[in-house]
């Protein structure tokens, strides 16, 4: 996705298109899920904190 984003941004004809917006949205979703999964895994590994 990062390569697709750079490629789409590199050309003036594709720099402001729906395809680029979709790639950026997908990247944001992927990053959110990665961080959310890390947070959830971190909580279960530590156990209960009082």
N, C-alpha and C. Protein backbone atom coordinates (compact mmCIF):
# COMPACT_ATOMS: atom_id res chain seq x y z
N UNK A 1 0.82 -1.20 0.00
CA UNK A 1 0.00 0.00 0.00
C UNK A 1 0.86 1.26 0.00
N UNK A 2 1.98 1.21 0.72
CA UNK A 2 2.85 2.38 0.75
C UNK A 2 3.43 2.67 -0.63
N UNK A 3 3.80 1.62 -1.34
CA UNK A 3 4.34 1.79 -2.69
C UNK A 3 3.26 2.35 -3.62
N UNK A 4 2.05 1.86 -3.48
CA UNK A 4 0.95 2.36 -4.31
C UNK A 4 0.70 3.84 -4.02
N UNK A 5 0.77 4.22 -2.76
CA UNK A 5 0.55 5.61 -2.39
C UNK A 5 1.61 6.51 -3.02
N UNK A 6 2.87 6.12 -2.90
CA UNK A 6 3.96 6.92 -3.48
C UNK A 6 3.81 7.00 -4.99
N UNK A 7 3.48 5.89 -5.61
CA UNK A 7 3.31 5.87 -7.07
C UNK A 7 2.19 6.82 -7.50
N UNK A 8 1.06 6.74 -6.82
CA UNK A 8 -0.07 7.59 -7.20
C UNK A 8 0.23 9.07 -6.95
N UNK A 9 0.97 9.36 -5.90
CA UNK A 9 1.31 10.75 -5.60
C UNK A 9 2.36 11.31 -6.56
N UNK A 10 3.14 10.44 -7.19
CA UNK A 10 4.24 10.90 -8.03
C UNK A 10 3.78 11.47 -9.37
N UNK A 11 2.58 11.16 -9.79
CA UNK A 11 2.08 11.61 -11.09
C UNK A 11 0.95 12.61 -10.86
N UNK A 12 1.04 13.75 -11.50
CA UNK A 12 0.02 14.79 -11.33
C UNK A 12 -1.36 14.30 -11.75
N UNK A 13 -1.42 13.39 -12.70
CA UNK A 13 -2.70 12.89 -13.19
C UNK A 13 -3.40 12.00 -12.16
N UNK A 14 -2.64 11.38 -11.27
CA UNK A 14 -3.24 10.47 -10.29
C UNK A 14 -3.12 10.98 -8.86
N UNK A 15 -2.51 12.15 -8.68
CA UNK A 15 -2.23 12.64 -7.33
C UNK A 15 -3.48 13.03 -6.56
N UNK A 16 -4.56 13.32 -7.23
CA UNK A 16 -5.76 13.77 -6.53
C UNK A 16 -6.97 12.97 -7.01
N UNK A 17 -6.83 11.65 -6.98
CA UNK A 17 -7.89 10.79 -7.50
C UNK A 17 -8.51 9.96 -6.38
N UNK A 18 -9.61 9.35 -6.71
CA UNK A 18 -10.30 8.46 -5.76
C UNK A 18 -9.42 7.27 -5.41
N UNK A 19 -8.62 6.80 -6.36
CA UNK A 19 -7.73 5.67 -6.10
C UNK A 19 -6.74 6.00 -4.98
N UNK A 20 -6.17 7.19 -5.03
CA UNK A 20 -5.24 7.60 -3.98
C UNK A 20 -5.96 7.71 -2.64
N UNK A 21 -7.14 8.29 -2.64
CA UNK A 21 -7.89 8.40 -1.39
C UNK A 21 -8.20 7.03 -0.80
N UNK A 22 -8.51 6.07 -1.66
CA UNK A 22 -8.79 4.71 -1.19
C UNK A 22 -7.55 4.06 -0.59
N UNK A 23 -6.41 4.26 -1.24
CA UNK A 23 -5.15 3.70 -0.72
C UNK A 23 -4.83 4.32 0.64
N UNK A 24 -5.00 5.62 0.77
CA UNK A 24 -4.73 6.30 2.04
C UNK A 24 -5.69 5.79 3.12
N UNK A 25 -6.95 5.61 2.79
CA UNK A 25 -7.92 5.06 3.75
C UNK A 25 -7.53 3.65 4.17
N UNK A 26 -7.12 2.83 3.21
CA UNK A 26 -6.71 1.46 3.52
C UNK A 26 -5.47 1.45 4.41
N UNK A 27 -4.54 2.36 4.14
CA UNK A 27 -3.35 2.46 5.00
C UNK A 27 -3.74 2.84 6.42
N UNK A 28 -4.63 3.80 6.55
CA UNK A 28 -5.07 4.22 7.88
C UNK A 28 -5.74 3.07 8.61
N UNK A 29 -6.59 2.33 7.91
CA UNK A 29 -7.26 1.18 8.53
C UNK A 29 -6.25 0.12 8.96
N UNK A 30 -5.27 -0.14 8.11
CA UNK A 30 -4.24 -1.14 8.42
C UNK A 30 -3.44 -0.72 9.64
N UNK A 31 -3.03 0.54 9.69
CA UNK A 31 -2.26 1.03 10.83
C UNK A 31 -3.09 0.98 12.11
N UNK A 32 -4.36 1.35 12.02
CA UNK A 32 -5.24 1.32 13.19
C UNK A 32 -5.37 -0.10 13.72
N UNK A 33 -5.61 -1.05 12.82
CA UNK A 33 -5.75 -2.44 13.24
C UNK A 33 -4.46 -2.98 13.84
N UNK A 34 -3.32 -2.60 13.25
CA UNK A 34 -2.03 -3.06 13.78
C UNK A 34 -1.83 -2.56 15.20
N UNK A 35 -2.13 -1.29 15.45
CA UNK A 35 -1.96 -0.73 16.79
C UNK A 35 -3.00 -1.27 17.75
N UNK A 36 -4.21 -1.46 17.28
CA UNK A 36 -5.26 -2.00 18.14
C UNK A 36 -4.91 -3.43 18.57
N UNK A 37 -4.44 -4.23 17.65
CA UNK A 37 -4.05 -5.60 17.95
C UNK A 37 -2.89 -5.62 18.93
N UNK A 38 -1.92 -4.73 18.75
CA UNK A 38 -0.78 -4.65 19.66
C UNK A 38 -1.26 -4.27 21.06
N UNK A 39 -2.17 -3.32 21.15
CA UNK A 39 -2.69 -2.91 22.45
C UNK A 39 -3.42 -4.05 23.13
N UNK A 40 -4.24 -4.77 22.39
CA UNK A 40 -5.00 -5.88 22.96
C UNK A 40 -4.05 -6.98 23.40
N UNK A 41 -3.07 -7.33 22.57
CA UNK A 41 -2.10 -8.37 22.93
C UNK A 41 -1.30 -7.95 24.15
N UNK A 42 -0.92 -6.70 24.23
CA UNK A 42 -0.15 -6.21 25.37
C UNK A 42 -0.92 -6.31 26.67
N UNK A 43 -2.21 -6.07 26.62
CA UNK A 43 -3.02 -6.16 27.83
C UNK A 43 -3.15 -7.60 28.31
N UNK A 44 -3.29 -8.53 27.40
CA UNK A 44 -3.48 -9.92 27.81
C UNK A 44 -2.17 -10.55 28.27
N UNK A 45 -1.04 -10.10 27.75
CA UNK A 45 0.24 -10.67 28.17
C UNK A 45 0.62 -10.21 29.56
N UNK A 46 0.30 -9.00 29.94
CA UNK A 46 0.68 -8.47 31.25
C UNK A 46 -0.15 -9.08 32.35
N UNK A 47 -1.35 -9.44 32.02
CA UNK A 47 -2.26 -9.91 33.06
C UNK A 47 -2.97 -8.74 33.70
N UNK A 48 -3.56 -9.01 34.82
CA UNK A 48 -4.37 -7.99 35.48
C UNK A 48 -3.47 -7.05 36.27
N UNK A 49 -3.70 -5.75 36.15
CA UNK A 49 -2.93 -4.75 36.86
C UNK A 49 -3.84 -4.10 37.89
N UNK A 50 -3.37 -4.06 39.12
CA UNK A 50 -4.18 -3.48 40.20
C UNK A 50 -3.68 -2.12 40.56
